[in-house]
């Protein structure tokens, strides 16, 4: 997992954008209005999320100029897989540590 992904997720405004986009794809103006952000600020946040691969921009059939933003589920799947690997690693480490402590305690008795 890239540091860029975690940096993108490390900002409360970008997390709020992701939360909005979980419900449905939205135009940047709708995101700005919902979060009470300026359009340039919203655009910057969307750019960070796009570069991190978390959000994509798609066209609207009725209007060639309009753009919708939506989540990229495959990127979140990759993040979920990576987190599962990290969790498994630390679970193994904690079990090994617990076994070590318990063995040491038994030897003291």
C-alpha atoms as a PDB file:
ATOM      1  CA  UNK A   1       0.000   0.000   0.000  1.00  0.00           C
ATOM      2  CA  UNK A   2       1.336   3.377  -0.927  1.00  0.00           C
ATOM      3  CA  UNK A   3       1.975   6.225   1.460  1.00  0.00           C
ATOM      4  CA  UNK A   4       0.006   8.417  -0.956  1.00  0.00           C
ATOM      5  CA  UNK A   5      -3.135   6.394  -0.198  1.00  0.00           C
ATOM      6  CA  UNK A   6      -2.790   6.902   3.537  1.00  0.00           C
ATOM      7  CA  UNK A   7      -1.942  10.567   3.101  1.00  0.00           C
ATOM      8  CA  UNK A   8      -5.112  10.965   1.058  1.00  0.00           C
ATOM      9  CA  UNK A   9      -7.147   9.248   3.755  1.00  0.00           C
ATOM     10  CA  UNK A  10      -5.466  11.262   6.508  1.00  0.00           C
ATOM     11  CA  UNK A  11      -7.455  14.428   5.892  1.00  0.00           C
ATOM     12  CA  UNK A  12     -10.908  14.807   7.490  1.00  0.00           C
ATOM     13  CA  UNK A  13     -12.315  16.665   4.470  1.00  0.00           C
ATOM     14  CA  UNK A  14     -11.211  13.879   2.112  1.00  0.00           C
ATOM     15  CA  UNK A  15     -12.740  11.274   4.421  1.00  0.00           C
ATOM     16  CA  UNK A  16     -15.957  13.277   4.279  1.00  0.00           C
ATOM     17  CA  UNK A  17     -15.785  13.232   0.461  1.00  0.00           C
ATOM     18  CA  UNK A  18     -15.372   9.458   0.527  1.00  0.00           C
ATOM     19  CA  UNK A  19     -18.296   9.143   2.917  1.00  0.00           C
ATOM     20  CA  UNK A  20     -20.500  11.143   0.522  1.00  0.00           C
ATOM     21  CA  UNK A  21     -19.377   9.112  -2.487  1.00  0.00           C
ATOM     22  CA  UNK A  22     -20.150   5.843  -0.673  1.00  0.00           C
ATOM     23  CA  UNK A  23     -23.816   6.717  -1.107  1.00  0.00           C
ATOM     24  CA  UNK A  24     -23.715   7.773  -4.781  1.00  0.00           C
ATOM     25  CA  UNK A  25     -21.567   9.403  -7.454  1.00  0.00           C
ATOM     26  CA  UNK A  26     -21.686  13.199  -7.250  1.00  0.00           C
ATOM     27  CA  UNK A  27     -20.588  16.281  -9.155  1.00  0.00           C
ATOM     28  CA  UNK A  28     -17.834  18.322  -7.565  1.00  0.00           C
ATOM     29  CA  UNK A  29     -20.244  21.226  -7.003  1.00  0.00           C
ATOM     30  CA  UNK A  30     -22.578  18.939  -5.076  1.00  0.00           C
ATOM     31  CA  UNK A  31     -19.680  17.706  -2.958  1.00  0.00           C
ATOM     32  CA  UNK A  32     -18.570  21.291  -2.289  1.00  0.00           C
ATOM     33  CA  UNK A  33     -22.091  22.313  -1.255  1.00  0.00           C
ATOM     34  CA  UNK A  34     -22.640  19.278   0.967  1.00  0.00           C
ATOM     35  CA  UNK A  35     -19.338  19.822   2.797  1.00  0.00           C
ATOM     36  CA  UNK A  36     -19.504  23.620   2.735  1.00  0.00           C
ATOM     37  CA  UNK A  37     -16.151  23.825   0.954  1.00  0.00           C
ATOM     38  CA  UNK A  38     -15.127  26.207  -1.790  1.00  0.00           C
ATOM     39  CA  UNK A  39     -14.986  24.742  -5.281  1.00  0.00           C
ATOM     40  CA  UNK A  40     -11.182  25.160  -5.540  1.00  0.00           C
ATOM     41  CA  UNK A  41     -10.709  23.412  -2.189  1.00  0.00           C
ATOM     42  CA  UNK A  42     -13.022  20.601  -3.261  1.00  0.00           C
ATOM     43  CA  UNK A  43     -11.154  20.288  -6.547  1.00  0.00           C
ATOM     44  CA  UNK A  44      -7.833  19.976  -4.695  1.00  0.00           C
ATOM     45  CA  UNK A  45      -9.218  17.263  -2.416  1.00  0.00           C
ATOM     46  CA  UNK A  46     -10.675  15.368  -5.381  1.00  0.00           C
ATOM     47  CA  UNK A  47      -7.320  15.610  -7.162  1.00  0.00           C
ATOM     48  CA  UNK A  48      -5.541  14.052  -4.183  1.00  0.00           C
ATOM     49  CA  UNK A  49      -8.114  11.260  -4.016  1.00  0.00           C
ATOM     50  CA  UNK A  50      -7.840  10.651  -7.783  1.00  0.00           C
ATOM     51  CA  UNK A  51      -4.034  10.473  -7.700  1.00  0.00           C
ATOM     52  CA  UNK A  52      -4.276   7.985  -4.827  1.00  0.00           C
ATOM     53  CA  UNK A  53      -6.588   5.872  -6.978  1.00  0.00           C
ATOM     54  CA  UNK A  54      -9.483   6.082  -4.531  1.00  0.00           C
ATOM     55  CA  UNK A  55     -11.835   8.144  -6.696  1.00  0.00           C
ATOM     56  CA  UNK A  56     -12.404   8.352 -10.431  1.00  0.00           C
ATOM     57  CA  UNK A  57     -14.007  10.936 -12.646  1.00  0.00           C
ATOM     58  CA  UNK A  58     -16.653   9.745 -15.113  1.00  0.00           C
ATOM     59  CA  UNK A  59     -18.699  11.505 -17.767  1.00  0.00           C
ATOM     60  CA  UNK A  60     -22.431  12.042 -17.708  1.00  0.00           C
ATOM     61  CA  UNK A  61     -24.410  10.745 -20.693  1.00  0.00           C
ATOM     62  CA  UNK A  62     -26.725  13.756 -20.963  1.00  0.00           C
ATOM     63  CA  UNK A  63     -24.023  16.423 -20.627  1.00  0.00           C
ATOM     64  CA  UNK A  64     -20.542  16.058 -22.123  1.00  0.00           C
ATOM     65  CA  UNK A  65     -19.252  18.878 -19.908  1.00  0.00           C
ATOM     66  CA  UNK A  66     -20.506  17.430 -16.625  1.00  0.00           C
ATOM     67  CA  UNK A  67     -18.303  15.098 -14.583  1.00  0.00           C
ATOM     68  CA  UNK A  68     -19.271  12.794 -11.751  1.00  0.00           C
ATOM     69  CA  UNK A  69     -16.931  11.479  -9.094  1.00  0.00           C
ATOM     70  CA  UNK A  70     -17.270   7.960  -7.774  1.00  0.00           C
ATOM     71  CA  UNK A  71     -15.290   5.603  -5.585  1.00  0.00           C
ATOM     72  CA  UNK A  72     -13.009   2.996  -7.125  1.00  0.00           C
ATOM     73  CA  UNK A  73     -14.068  -0.151  -5.240  1.00  0.00           C
ATOM     74  CA  UNK A  74     -11.063  -2.159  -6.437  1.00  0.00           C
ATOM     75  CA  UNK A  75      -8.714   0.267  -4.681  1.00  0.00           C
ATOM     76  CA  UNK A  76     -10.613  -0.159  -1.426  1.00  0.00           C
ATOM     77  CA  UNK A  77     -10.438  -3.930  -1.938  1.00  0.00           C
ATOM     78  CA  UNK A  78      -6.648  -3.658  -2.202  1.00  0.00           C
ATOM     79  CA  UNK A  79      -6.596  -1.585   0.966  1.00  0.00           C
ATOM     80  CA  UNK A  80      -8.779  -4.156   2.759  1.00  0.00           C
ATOM     81  CA  UNK A  81      -6.443  -6.985   1.647  1.00  0.00           C
ATOM     82  CA  UNK A  82      -3.372  -5.096   2.843  1.00  0.00           C
ATOM     83  CA  UNK A  83      -4.990  -4.371   6.204  1.00  0.00           C
ATOM     84  CA  UNK A  84      -5.902  -8.063   6.564  1.00  0.00           C
ATOM     85  CA  UNK A  85      -2.248  -8.981   5.982  1.00  0.00           C
ATOM     86  CA  UNK A  86      -1.098  -6.471   8.586  1.00  0.00           C
ATOM     87  CA  UNK A  87      -3.700  -7.715  11.044  1.00  0.00           C
ATOM     88  CA  UNK A  88      -2.628 -11.334  10.470  1.00  0.00           C
ATOM     89  CA  UNK A  89       1.035 -10.426  11.001  1.00  0.00           C
ATOM     90  CA  UNK A  90       0.362  -8.638  14.283  1.00  0.00           C
ATOM     91  CA  UNK A  91      -1.999 -11.375  15.404  1.00  0.00           C
ATOM     92  CA  UNK A  92       0.807 -13.909  14.939  1.00  0.00           C
ATOM     93  CA  UNK A  93       3.255 -11.643  16.753  1.00  0.00           C
ATOM     94  CA  UNK A  94       0.908 -11.201  19.695  1.00  0.00           C
ATOM     95  CA  UNK A  95       0.206 -14.937  19.922  1.00  0.00           C
ATOM     96  CA  UNK A  96       3.953 -15.664  19.906  1.00  0.00           C
ATOM     97  CA  UNK A  97       4.527 -13.036  22.590  1.00  0.00           C
ATOM     98  CA  UNK A  98       1.696 -14.464  24.690  1.00  0.00           C
ATOM     99  CA  UNK A  99       3.152 -17.976  24.372  1.00  0.00           C
ATOM    100  CA  UNK A 100       6.571 -16.639  25.410  1.00  0.00           C
ATOM    101  CA  UNK A 101       5.163 -14.858  28.480  1.00  0.00           C
ATOM    102  CA  UNK A 102       3.120 -17.893  29.505  1.00  0.00           C
ATOM    103  CA  UNK A 103       6.121 -20.218  29.109  1.00  0.00           C
ATOM    104  CA  UNK A 104       8.274 -17.883  31.163  1.00  0.00           C
ATOM    105  CA  UNK A 105       5.592 -17.738  33.884  1.00  0.00           C
ATOM    106  CA  UNK A 106       5.388 -21.557  33.988  1.00  0.00           C
ATOM    107  CA  UNK A 107       9.172 -21.802  34.394  1.00  0.00           C
ATOM    108  CA  UNK A 108       9.051 -19.448  37.384  1.00  0.00           C
ATOM    109  CA  UNK A 109       6.574 -21.638  39.262  1.00  0.00           C
END
